[in-house]
Structure formats: structure tokens, C-alpha cells
């Protein structure tokens, strides 16, 4: 295989020009594995969201949790992969396939893996920390005379955003 860049332009041993194009690529069953994985990681959630918007299906609290936590996990994964896990991409067989399956599981409407992470793993930890530190933090804010947001109940009231948007669109359409 012919290198893409001359060796004089490449200073690092991980550069494709230094070692030859994909000479050390591990086993992969996907054609263009980096492209397919990126499309699934970023395009699949957007396509699912656009499908829900197109069908005028209301988003539930579980959907909001799933999308929010999915993109948090995706951002953390991108950071970890670019700083620490980069060596696995080149030297661990089927790493990109495992990554692909993980992100499909996180976002799949049948499984909703990201919501599972929140409700089964993270929410109990968050509740314990919230119960332990909420009052001291609010007390410190009162002492510092910072504005405190008053909460009347522990339940969060959700609004029907879709209905409000639909009403605004109907108003514009009738003008």
C-alpha cells in the first residue's frame, strides 16, 4: 500500500504515512467501519428524533431522559476515545463493531439503554447524593444571599410543549 503523505510530513508513528495505510488495522467485518460507526453514533438518534417529530408523537419523560443521557454518554465516549482509548481502535479486533452495538443498544426504541442507565444505575446514586447535599447547599446559598429557587414539591411538573407549539402554529396559520 502506498502512504498518503510523505514520511517527511508525518512526525508520529501512528500517522498512516509513517506505517502504511491501515497496515495495523485489526479485524473488522464492517465496510468503512469508522464511517458506519460515526453515522450510527450521531445519525441514528437524530433520525429517530426526526421520525417522532414527523409522526407528531409526543415525547415522554423517558424519551427526554433517553436522549439527554445518550448525548452525555456519547460526548464522554468521544472524549475518552480521543484521549485514552485511541489505541483500542487500531489494535483491538472488532472494537468498532462493539462500539456500534453499544450505541445501537443505548438508543434503540425497544431497549432504551440510556434510560436504563439512568433509572437503574444513576438515579439511585443521584438520589442518595441529592438527599445528603441538597439542604447544606441551599443553606449555604441562603447565607451567601444568593437567589434560591423555591420548590413546592419533589415532583417535577412536565409541560405539554408540543400542544403549545401546535397552538402557536395554528395562530400563525390563521392570520
N, C-alpha and C. Protein backbone atom coordinates (compact mmCIF):
# COMPACT_ATOMS: atom_id res chain seq x y z
N UNK A 1 0.84 -1.19 0.00
CA UNK A 1 0.00 0.00 0.00
C UNK A 1 0.88 1.25 0.00
N UNK A 2 0.46 2.23 -0.73
CA UNK A 2 1.22 3.47 -0.83
C UNK A 2 0.75 4.44 0.25
N UNK A 3 1.65 5.04 1.02
CA UNK A 3 1.25 6.01 2.05
C UNK A 3 0.60 7.23 1.43
N UNK A 4 -0.31 7.85 2.22
CA UNK A 4 -1.00 9.05 1.74
C UNK A 4 -0.10 10.27 1.79
N UNK A 5 0.75 10.36 2.81
CA UNK A 5 1.62 11.51 2.98
C UNK A 5 3.07 11.05 2.90
N UNK A 6 3.96 11.92 2.45
CA UNK A 6 5.37 11.55 2.52
C UNK A 6 5.81 11.50 3.98
N UNK A 7 6.79 10.65 4.28
CA UNK A 7 7.24 10.50 5.67
C UNK A 7 7.78 11.80 6.24
N UNK A 8 8.26 12.70 5.40
CA UNK A 8 8.80 13.96 5.90
C UNK A 8 7.71 14.84 6.52
N UNK A 9 6.44 14.66 6.11
CA UNK A 9 5.35 15.45 6.67
C UNK A 9 4.73 14.82 7.91
N UNK A 10 5.08 13.59 8.20
CA UNK A 10 4.46 12.88 9.30
C UNK A 10 5.49 12.63 10.39
N UNK A 11 5.23 13.12 11.60
CA UNK A 11 6.20 13.03 12.68
C UNK A 11 5.89 11.92 13.68
N UNK A 12 4.71 11.38 13.64
CA UNK A 12 4.30 10.45 14.67
C UNK A 12 4.17 9.04 14.11
N UNK A 13 4.51 8.02 14.92
CA UNK A 13 4.41 6.65 14.44
C UNK A 13 2.98 6.19 14.17
N UNK A 14 1.97 6.89 14.69
CA UNK A 14 0.59 6.48 14.45
C UNK A 14 0.03 7.05 13.16
N UNK A 15 0.79 7.91 12.50
CA UNK A 15 0.36 8.50 11.25
C UNK A 15 0.30 7.43 10.16
N UNK A 16 -0.77 7.40 9.35
CA UNK A 16 -0.86 6.38 8.29
C UNK A 16 0.32 6.42 7.32
N UNK A 17 0.90 7.60 7.08
CA UNK A 17 2.02 7.69 6.15
C UNK A 17 3.26 7.05 6.76
N UNK A 18 3.36 7.06 8.05
CA UNK A 18 4.53 6.51 8.72
C UNK A 18 4.55 4.99 8.66
N UNK A 19 3.41 4.38 8.85
CA UNK A 19 3.37 2.92 8.92
C UNK A 19 2.71 2.26 7.72
N UNK A 20 2.21 3.05 6.80
CA UNK A 20 1.47 2.48 5.68
C UNK A 20 -0.01 2.53 5.99
N UNK A 21 -0.84 2.67 4.99
CA UNK A 21 -2.27 2.84 5.19
C UNK A 21 -2.89 1.56 5.72
N UNK A 22 -3.52 1.63 6.89
CA UNK A 22 -4.25 0.53 7.51
C UNK A 22 -3.45 -0.77 7.61
N UNK A 23 -2.15 -0.67 7.71
CA UNK A 23 -1.36 -1.88 7.84
C UNK A 23 -1.65 -2.59 9.16
N UNK A 24 -1.93 -1.84 10.21
CA UNK A 24 -2.17 -2.43 11.52
C UNK A 24 -3.65 -2.49 11.88
N UNK A 25 -4.51 -2.29 10.93
CA UNK A 25 -5.95 -2.34 11.21
C UNK A 25 -6.34 -3.74 11.65
N UNK A 26 -6.99 -3.86 12.80
CA UNK A 26 -7.40 -5.19 13.25
C UNK A 26 -8.58 -5.71 12.44
N UNK A 27 -9.03 -6.88 12.78
CA UNK A 27 -10.16 -7.47 12.08
C UNK A 27 -11.41 -6.61 12.20
N UNK A 28 -12.14 -6.53 11.12
CA UNK A 28 -13.40 -5.80 11.10
C UNK A 28 -14.29 -6.43 10.05
N UNK A 29 -15.56 -6.58 10.39
CA UNK A 29 -16.50 -7.15 9.42
C UNK A 29 -17.31 -6.08 8.71
N UNK A 30 -17.12 -4.83 9.12
CA UNK A 30 -17.84 -3.71 8.52
C UNK A 30 -17.05 -3.11 7.37
N UNK A 31 -17.73 -2.74 6.30
CA UNK A 31 -17.04 -1.93 5.29
C UNK A 31 -17.00 -0.49 5.79
N UNK A 32 -15.89 0.16 5.70
CA UNK A 32 -15.72 1.54 6.20
C UNK A 32 -16.19 1.65 7.66
N UNK A 33 -15.54 0.95 8.57
CA UNK A 33 -16.04 0.86 9.95
C UNK A 33 -16.13 2.20 10.68
N UNK A 34 -15.18 3.10 10.43
CA UNK A 34 -15.23 4.39 11.11
C UNK A 34 -16.45 5.20 10.66
N UNK A 35 -16.73 5.17 9.38
CA UNK A 35 -17.87 5.92 8.84
C UNK A 35 -19.19 5.34 9.33
N UNK A 36 -19.32 4.04 9.29
CA UNK A 36 -20.56 3.40 9.74
C UNK A 36 -20.80 3.67 11.22
N UNK A 37 -19.75 3.56 12.02
CA UNK A 37 -19.88 3.79 13.46
C UNK A 37 -20.27 5.25 13.74
N UNK A 38 -19.65 6.18 13.05
CA UNK A 38 -19.99 7.60 13.26
C UNK A 38 -21.43 7.89 12.85
N UNK A 39 -21.87 7.30 11.73
CA UNK A 39 -23.26 7.51 11.30
C UNK A 39 -24.25 6.95 12.32
N UNK A 40 -23.94 5.79 12.86
CA UNK A 40 -24.84 5.20 13.86
C UNK A 40 -24.80 6.01 15.15
N UNK A 41 -23.61 6.43 15.56
CA UNK A 41 -23.49 7.15 16.83
C UNK A 41 -24.18 8.51 16.78
N UNK A 42 -24.09 9.21 15.68
CA UNK A 42 -24.66 10.56 15.63
C UNK A 42 -25.90 10.67 14.75
N UNK A 43 -25.99 9.89 13.69
CA UNK A 43 -27.11 10.00 12.78
C UNK A 43 -28.35 9.25 13.22
N UNK A 44 -28.18 8.08 13.82
CA UNK A 44 -29.32 7.26 14.23
C UNK A 44 -30.21 7.96 15.26
N UNK A 45 -29.66 8.59 16.31
CA UNK A 45 -30.54 9.30 17.25
C UNK A 45 -31.27 10.46 16.60
N UNK A 46 -30.59 11.16 15.70
CA UNK A 46 -31.24 12.27 15.01
C UNK A 46 -32.38 11.75 14.13
N UNK A 47 -32.15 10.64 13.45
CA UNK A 47 -33.20 10.06 12.60
C UNK A 47 -34.39 9.60 13.44
N UNK A 48 -34.13 9.01 14.61
CA UNK A 48 -35.23 8.60 15.49
C UNK A 48 -36.02 9.81 15.98
N UNK A 49 -35.31 10.87 16.34
CA UNK A 49 -35.99 12.08 16.81
C UNK A 49 -36.82 12.71 15.69
N UNK A 50 -36.25 12.78 14.49
CA UNK A 50 -36.98 13.36 13.36
C UNK A 50 -38.21 12.52 13.03
N UNK A 51 -38.12 11.21 13.18
CA UNK A 51 -39.28 10.34 12.95
C UNK A 51 -40.38 10.63 13.97
N UNK A 52 -40.00 10.84 15.23
CA UNK A 52 -41.00 11.17 16.25
C UNK A 52 -41.66 12.52 15.95
N UNK A 53 -40.85 13.48 15.53
CA UNK A 53 -41.40 14.80 15.21
C UNK A 53 -42.32 14.71 14.00
N UNK A 54 -41.91 13.95 13.01
CA UNK A 54 -42.71 13.78 11.79
C UNK A 54 -44.04 13.11 12.08
N UNK A 55 -44.04 12.12 12.97
CA UNK A 55 -45.26 11.41 13.33
C UNK A 55 -46.12 12.18 14.34
N UNK A 56 -45.65 13.34 14.79
CA UNK A 56 -46.33 14.14 15.81
C UNK A 56 -46.57 13.34 17.09
N UNK A 57 -45.69 12.39 17.37
CA UNK A 57 -45.80 11.62 18.60
C UNK A 57 -45.22 12.44 19.74
N UNK A 58 -45.96 12.55 20.85
CA UNK A 58 -45.43 13.32 21.97
C UNK A 58 -44.24 12.60 22.61
N UNK A 59 -43.26 13.38 23.02
CA UNK A 59 -42.11 12.81 23.71
C UNK A 59 -42.46 12.63 25.18
N UNK A 60 -42.16 11.48 25.71
CA UNK A 60 -42.42 11.20 27.11
C UNK A 60 -41.20 11.57 27.94
N UNK A 61 -41.36 11.51 29.26
CA UNK A 61 -40.22 11.78 30.13
C UNK A 61 -39.10 10.77 29.89
N UNK A 62 -39.46 9.53 29.60
CA UNK A 62 -38.45 8.51 29.31
C UNK A 62 -37.69 8.86 28.04
N UNK A 63 -38.38 9.42 27.05
CA UNK A 63 -37.70 9.84 25.82
C UNK A 63 -36.70 10.97 26.11
N UNK A 64 -37.13 11.95 26.91
CA UNK A 64 -36.22 13.04 27.25
C UNK A 64 -35.00 12.53 28.00
N UNK A 65 -35.21 11.62 28.95
CA UNK A 65 -34.10 11.03 29.70
C UNK A 65 -33.20 10.26 28.74
N UNK A 66 -33.78 9.50 27.85
CA UNK A 66 -33.01 8.68 26.93
C UNK A 66 -32.13 9.55 26.02
N UNK A 67 -32.72 10.59 25.41
CA UNK A 67 -31.95 11.44 24.52
C UNK A 67 -30.88 12.21 25.28
N UNK A 68 -31.22 12.76 26.44
CA UNK A 68 -30.26 13.54 27.21
C UNK A 68 -29.07 12.69 27.63
N UNK A 69 -29.36 11.55 28.24
CA UNK A 69 -28.28 10.70 28.71
C UNK A 69 -27.49 10.09 27.55
N UNK A 70 -28.16 9.82 26.43
CA UNK A 70 -27.45 9.30 25.27
C UNK A 70 -26.37 10.27 24.82
N UNK A 71 -26.72 11.55 24.69
CA UNK A 71 -25.74 12.50 24.20
C UNK A 71 -24.67 12.81 25.25
N UNK A 72 -24.99 12.69 26.54
CA UNK A 72 -23.96 12.82 27.57
C UNK A 72 -22.97 11.66 27.45
N UNK A 73 -23.49 10.44 27.33
CA UNK A 73 -22.63 9.27 27.18
C UNK A 73 -21.82 9.36 25.89
N UNK A 74 -22.44 9.82 24.82
CA UNK A 74 -21.75 9.95 23.54
C UNK A 74 -20.61 10.97 23.63
N UNK A 75 -20.84 12.09 24.30
CA UNK A 75 -19.79 13.11 24.46
C UNK A 75 -18.65 12.57 25.34
N UNK A 76 -19.00 11.89 26.43
CA UNK A 76 -17.96 11.30 27.28
C UNK A 76 -17.16 10.25 26.52
N UNK A 77 -17.86 9.44 25.74
CA UNK A 77 -17.19 8.41 24.95
C UNK A 77 -16.23 9.05 23.94
N UNK A 78 -16.68 10.10 23.28
CA UNK A 78 -15.82 10.77 22.29
C UNK A 78 -14.56 11.32 22.97
N UNK A 79 -14.74 11.89 24.15
CA UNK A 79 -13.57 12.41 24.88
C UNK A 79 -12.63 11.28 25.28
N UNK A 80 -13.18 10.23 25.87
CA UNK A 80 -12.35 9.11 26.32
C UNK A 80 -11.66 8.42 25.15
N UNK A 81 -12.37 8.26 24.05
CA UNK A 81 -11.81 7.58 22.89
C UNK A 81 -10.68 8.41 22.26
N UNK A 82 -10.83 9.72 22.26
CA UNK A 82 -9.80 10.54 21.64
C UNK A 82 -8.58 10.72 22.54
N UNK A 83 -8.74 10.56 23.85
CA UNK A 83 -7.60 10.77 24.74
C UNK A 83 -6.98 9.48 25.26
N UNK A 84 -7.80 8.49 25.62
CA UNK A 84 -7.27 7.30 26.26
C UNK A 84 -7.48 6.02 25.46
N UNK A 85 -8.60 5.87 24.81
CA UNK A 85 -8.95 4.61 24.16
C UNK A 85 -8.55 4.54 22.68
N UNK A 86 -7.82 5.54 22.20
CA UNK A 86 -7.49 5.57 20.78
C UNK A 86 -6.69 4.36 20.34
N UNK A 87 -5.91 3.80 21.22
CA UNK A 87 -5.10 2.64 20.84
C UNK A 87 -5.96 1.41 20.59
N UNK A 88 -7.13 1.33 21.24
CA UNK A 88 -8.01 0.19 21.03
C UNK A 88 -8.56 0.15 19.61
N UNK A 89 -8.77 1.32 19.03
CA UNK A 89 -9.34 1.37 17.67
C UNK A 89 -8.40 0.69 16.69
N UNK A 90 -7.10 0.90 16.85
CA UNK A 90 -6.14 0.33 15.90
C UNK A 90 -5.73 -1.10 16.22
N UNK A 91 -5.79 -1.49 17.47
CA UNK A 91 -5.19 -2.78 17.83
C UNK A 91 -6.14 -3.80 18.46
N UNK A 92 -7.37 -3.44 18.71
CA UNK A 92 -8.31 -4.37 19.34
C UNK A 92 -9.29 -4.85 18.27
N UNK A 93 -9.27 -6.15 17.95
CA UNK A 93 -10.18 -6.64 16.91
C UNK A 93 -11.65 -6.43 17.29
N UNK A 94 -12.43 -6.03 16.35
CA UNK A 94 -13.88 -5.83 16.50
C UNK A 94 -14.24 -4.73 17.50
N UNK A 95 -13.32 -3.82 17.78
CA UNK A 95 -13.63 -2.72 18.71
C UNK A 95 -14.73 -1.84 18.15
N UNK A 96 -14.64 -1.48 16.88
CA UNK A 96 -15.65 -0.60 16.29
C UNK A 96 -17.00 -1.29 16.20
N UNK A 97 -17.01 -2.61 16.00
CA UNK A 97 -18.28 -3.34 15.98
C UNK A 97 -18.93 -3.35 17.37
N UNK A 98 -18.11 -3.53 18.40
CA UNK A 98 -18.63 -3.49 19.77
C UNK A 98 -19.15 -2.09 20.12
N UNK A 99 -18.43 -1.08 19.68
CA UNK A 99 -18.88 0.30 19.89
C UNK A 99 -20.21 0.54 19.18
N UNK A 100 -20.31 0.05 17.95
CA UNK A 100 -21.54 0.18 17.18
C UNK A 100 -22.71 -0.48 17.90
N UNK A 101 -22.52 -1.69 18.38
CA UNK A 101 -23.58 -2.40 19.10
C UNK A 101 -23.96 -1.67 20.39
N UNK A 102 -22.98 -1.15 21.10
CA UNK A 102 -23.25 -0.41 22.34
C UNK A 102 -24.12 0.82 22.07
N UNK A 103 -23.78 1.59 21.05
CA UNK A 103 -24.56 2.80 20.77
C UNK A 103 -25.92 2.48 20.17
N UNK A 104 -26.02 1.39 19.43
CA UNK A 104 -27.35 0.96 18.97
C UNK A 104 -28.23 0.57 20.15
N UNK A 105 -27.66 -0.14 21.12
CA UNK A 105 -28.42 -0.54 22.31
C UNK A 105 -28.85 0.67 23.12
N UNK A 106 -27.97 1.67 23.24
CA UNK A 106 -28.32 2.86 24.01
C UNK A 106 -29.54 3.58 23.44
N UNK A 107 -29.66 3.63 22.11
CA UNK A 107 -30.69 4.46 21.50
C UNK A 107 -31.86 3.68 20.96
N UNK A 108 -31.77 2.37 20.84
CA UNK A 108 -32.83 1.58 20.24
C UNK A 108 -34.15 1.79 20.98
N UNK A 109 -35.26 2.07 20.26
CA UNK A 109 -36.55 2.33 20.91
C UNK A 109 -37.07 1.13 21.72
N UNK A 110 -36.67 -0.07 21.36
CA UNK A 110 -37.12 -1.25 22.10
C UNK A 110 -36.41 -1.36 23.45
N UNK A 111 -35.12 -1.03 23.48
CA UNK A 111 -34.32 -1.24 24.68
C UNK A 111 -34.14 0.02 25.52
N UNK A 112 -33.96 1.16 24.87
CA UNK A 112 -33.72 2.44 25.55
C UNK A 112 -32.65 2.28 26.62
N UNK A 113 -31.47 1.90 26.18
CA UNK A 113 -30.36 1.62 27.08
C UNK A 113 -29.92 2.82 27.89
N UNK A 114 -29.96 4.02 27.31
CA UNK A 114 -29.55 5.21 28.06
C UNK A 114 -30.52 5.47 29.21
N UNK A 115 -31.81 5.28 28.98
CA UNK A 115 -32.79 5.44 30.06
C UNK A 115 -32.58 4.36 31.12
N UNK A 116 -32.21 3.16 30.70
CA UNK A 116 -31.90 2.11 31.66
C UNK A 116 -30.75 2.53 32.56
N UNK A 117 -29.70 3.12 31.98
CA UNK A 117 -28.58 3.59 32.79
C UNK A 117 -29.05 4.59 33.85
N UNK A 118 -29.95 5.50 33.45
CA UNK A 118 -30.41 6.50 34.41
C UNK A 118 -31.27 5.87 35.49
N UNK A 119 -32.32 5.19 35.09
CA UNK A 119 -33.29 4.70 36.07
C UNK A 119 -32.75 3.57 36.94
N UNK A 120 -31.91 2.70 36.42
CA UNK A 120 -31.44 1.56 37.19
C UNK A 120 -30.09 1.80 37.87
N UNK A 121 -29.23 2.60 37.29
CA UNK A 121 -27.88 2.75 37.83
C UNK A 121 -27.60 4.12 38.43
N UNK A 122 -27.91 5.18 37.71
CA UNK A 122 -27.50 6.51 38.13
C UNK A 122 -28.49 7.21 39.06
N UNK A 123 -29.78 7.05 38.83
CA UNK A 123 -30.77 7.75 39.65
C UNK A 123 -30.68 7.39 41.14
N UNK A 124 -30.51 6.10 41.51
CA UNK A 124 -30.35 5.81 42.93
C UNK A 124 -29.12 6.50 43.55
N UNK A 125 -28.02 6.55 42.80
CA UNK A 125 -26.83 7.25 43.29
C UNK A 125 -27.09 8.75 43.41
N UNK A 126 -27.76 9.31 42.41
CA UNK A 126 -28.08 10.73 42.42
C UNK A 126 -29.01 11.07 43.58
N UNK A 127 -30.01 10.22 43.83
CA UNK A 127 -30.96 10.47 44.91
C UNK A 127 -30.26 10.49 46.25
N UNK A 128 -29.34 9.54 46.46
CA UNK A 128 -28.62 9.49 47.73
C UNK A 128 -27.79 10.76 47.92
N UNK A 129 -27.07 11.18 46.89
CA UNK A 129 -26.26 12.40 46.98
C UNK A 129 -27.14 13.64 47.09
N UNK A 130 -28.26 13.65 46.38
CA UNK A 130 -29.18 14.78 46.45
C UNK A 130 -29.75 14.92 47.85
N UNK A 131 -30.18 13.81 48.45
CA UNK A 131 -30.70 13.86 49.82
C UNK A 131 -29.63 14.31 50.81
N UNK A 132 -28.39 13.93 50.58
CA UNK A 132 -27.31 14.24 51.50
C UNK A 132 -26.85 15.70 51.38
N UNK A 133 -26.78 16.23 50.17
CA UNK A 133 -26.15 17.54 49.97
C UNK A 133 -27.10 18.67 49.60
N UNK A 134 -28.36 18.41 49.31
CA UNK A 134 -29.27 19.47 48.87
C UNK A 134 -29.47 20.53 49.95
N UNK A 135 -29.80 20.10 51.15
CA UNK A 135 -30.05 21.05 52.25
C UNK A 135 -28.81 21.87 52.60
N UNK A 136 -27.62 21.26 52.76
CA UNK A 136 -26.44 22.10 53.04
C UNK A 136 -26.13 23.12 51.94
N UNK A 137 -26.32 22.74 50.69
CA UNK A 137 -26.05 23.67 49.60
C UNK A 137 -27.06 24.81 49.60
N UNK A 138 -28.33 24.50 49.84
CA UNK A 138 -29.35 25.55 49.89
C UNK A 138 -29.11 26.46 51.10
N UNK A 139 -28.68 25.90 52.22
CA UNK A 139 -28.35 26.71 53.39
C UNK A 139 -27.18 27.64 53.11
N UNK A 140 -26.17 27.15 52.42
CA UNK A 140 -25.02 27.98 52.06
C UNK A 140 -25.44 29.09 51.10
N UNK A 141 -26.36 28.80 50.20
CA UNK A 141 -26.84 29.83 49.27
C UNK A 141 -27.62 30.90 50.02
N UNK A 142 -28.40 30.50 51.02
CA UNK A 142 -29.14 31.48 51.82
C UNK A 142 -28.18 32.37 52.60
N UNK A 143 -27.14 31.77 53.16
CA UNK A 143 -26.15 32.56 53.91
C UNK A 143 -25.41 33.52 52.99
N UNK A 144 -25.17 33.12 51.77
CA UNK A 144 -24.47 33.97 50.81
C UNK A 144 -25.42 34.96 50.16
N UNK A 145 -26.71 34.86 50.50
CA UNK A 145 -27.76 35.71 49.95
C UNK A 145 -27.84 35.62 48.43
N UNK A 146 -27.67 34.42 47.93
CA UNK A 146 -27.86 34.17 46.52
C UNK A 146 -29.33 33.84 46.30
N UNK A 147 -29.86 34.13 45.14
CA UNK A 147 -31.27 33.80 44.90
C UNK A 147 -31.48 32.29 44.95
N UNK A 148 -32.50 31.88 45.69
CA UNK A 148 -32.83 30.47 45.84
C UNK A 148 -34.12 30.20 45.08
N UNK A 149 -34.11 29.17 44.31
CA UNK A 149 -35.31 28.78 43.59
C UNK A 149 -36.18 27.98 44.55
N UNK A 150 -37.39 28.46 44.76
CA UNK A 150 -38.31 27.77 45.67
C UNK A 150 -38.93 26.58 44.98
N UNK A 151 -38.96 25.47 45.66
CA UNK A 151 -39.63 24.28 45.16
C UNK A 151 -40.76 23.93 46.11
N UNK A 152 -41.92 23.67 45.56
CA UNK A 152 -43.07 23.38 46.40
C UNK A 152 -43.26 21.89 46.61
N UNK A 153 -42.80 21.09 45.68
CA UNK A 153 -42.94 19.65 45.83
C UNK A 153 -41.74 18.96 45.22
N UNK A 154 -41.60 17.70 45.50
CA UNK A 154 -40.49 16.92 44.95
C UNK A 154 -40.78 16.46 43.53
N UNK A 155 -42.03 16.50 43.12
CA UNK A 155 -42.38 16.07 41.77
C UNK A 155 -42.22 17.23 40.80
N UNK A 156 -41.68 16.92 39.66
CA UNK A 156 -41.50 17.91 38.60
C UNK A 156 -42.72 17.84 37.70
N UNK A 157 -43.32 19.00 37.51
CA UNK A 157 -44.47 19.05 36.62
C UNK A 157 -43.96 19.21 35.20
N UNK A 158 -44.41 18.36 34.32
CA UNK A 158 -43.98 18.47 32.93
C UNK A 158 -45.03 19.25 32.14
N UNK A 159 -44.52 20.03 31.21
CA UNK A 159 -45.44 20.80 30.38
C UNK A 159 -45.63 20.09 29.05
N UNK A 160 -46.73 20.41 28.42
CA UNK A 160 -47.01 19.81 27.12
C UNK A 160 -46.53 20.79 26.05
N UNK A 161 -45.25 20.73 25.75
CA UNK A 161 -44.64 21.66 24.81
C UNK A 161 -45.21 21.51 23.41
N UNK A 162 -45.49 20.27 23.06
CA UNK A 162 -46.00 20.03 21.72
C UNK A 162 -47.34 20.72 21.50
N UNK A 163 -48.20 20.71 22.51
CA UNK A 163 -49.51 21.35 22.40
C UNK A 163 -49.36 22.86 22.26
N UNK A 164 -48.46 23.48 23.04
CA UNK A 164 -48.24 24.92 22.96
C UNK A 164 -47.69 25.28 21.58
N UNK A 165 -46.76 24.50 21.08
CA UNK A 165 -46.19 24.77 19.75
C UNK A 165 -47.27 24.63 18.69
N UNK A 166 -48.10 23.60 18.80
CA UNK A 166 -49.18 23.39 17.84
C UNK A 166 -50.14 24.58 17.84
N UNK A 167 -50.47 25.11 19.05
CA UNK A 167 -51.38 26.26 19.15
C UNK A 167 -50.75 27.49 18.50
N UNK A 168 -49.44 27.70 18.72
CA UNK A 168 -48.77 28.86 18.13
C UNK A 168 -48.76 28.75 16.61
N UNK A 169 -48.52 27.54 16.10
CA UNK A 169 -48.53 27.35 14.64
C UNK A 169 -49.91 27.58 14.06
N UNK A 170 -50.97 27.14 14.78
CA UNK A 170 -52.32 27.37 14.30
C UNK A 170 -52.66 28.84 14.29
N UNK A 171 -52.18 29.60 15.29
CA UNK A 171 -52.41 31.04 15.33
C UNK A 171 -51.76 31.69 14.09
N UNK A 172 -50.51 31.32 13.79
CA UNK A 172 -49.82 31.89 12.64
C UNK A 172 -50.52 31.50 11.34
N UNK A 173 -51.01 30.26 11.28
CA UNK A 173 -51.69 29.80 10.07
C UNK A 173 -53.02 30.50 9.83
N UNK A 174 -53.69 30.94 10.89
CA UNK A 174 -54.99 31.57 10.72
C UNK A 174 -54.87 33.05 10.37
N UNK A 175 -53.68 33.66 10.52
CA UNK A 175 -53.50 35.08 10.22
C UNK A 175 -53.39 35.34 8.77
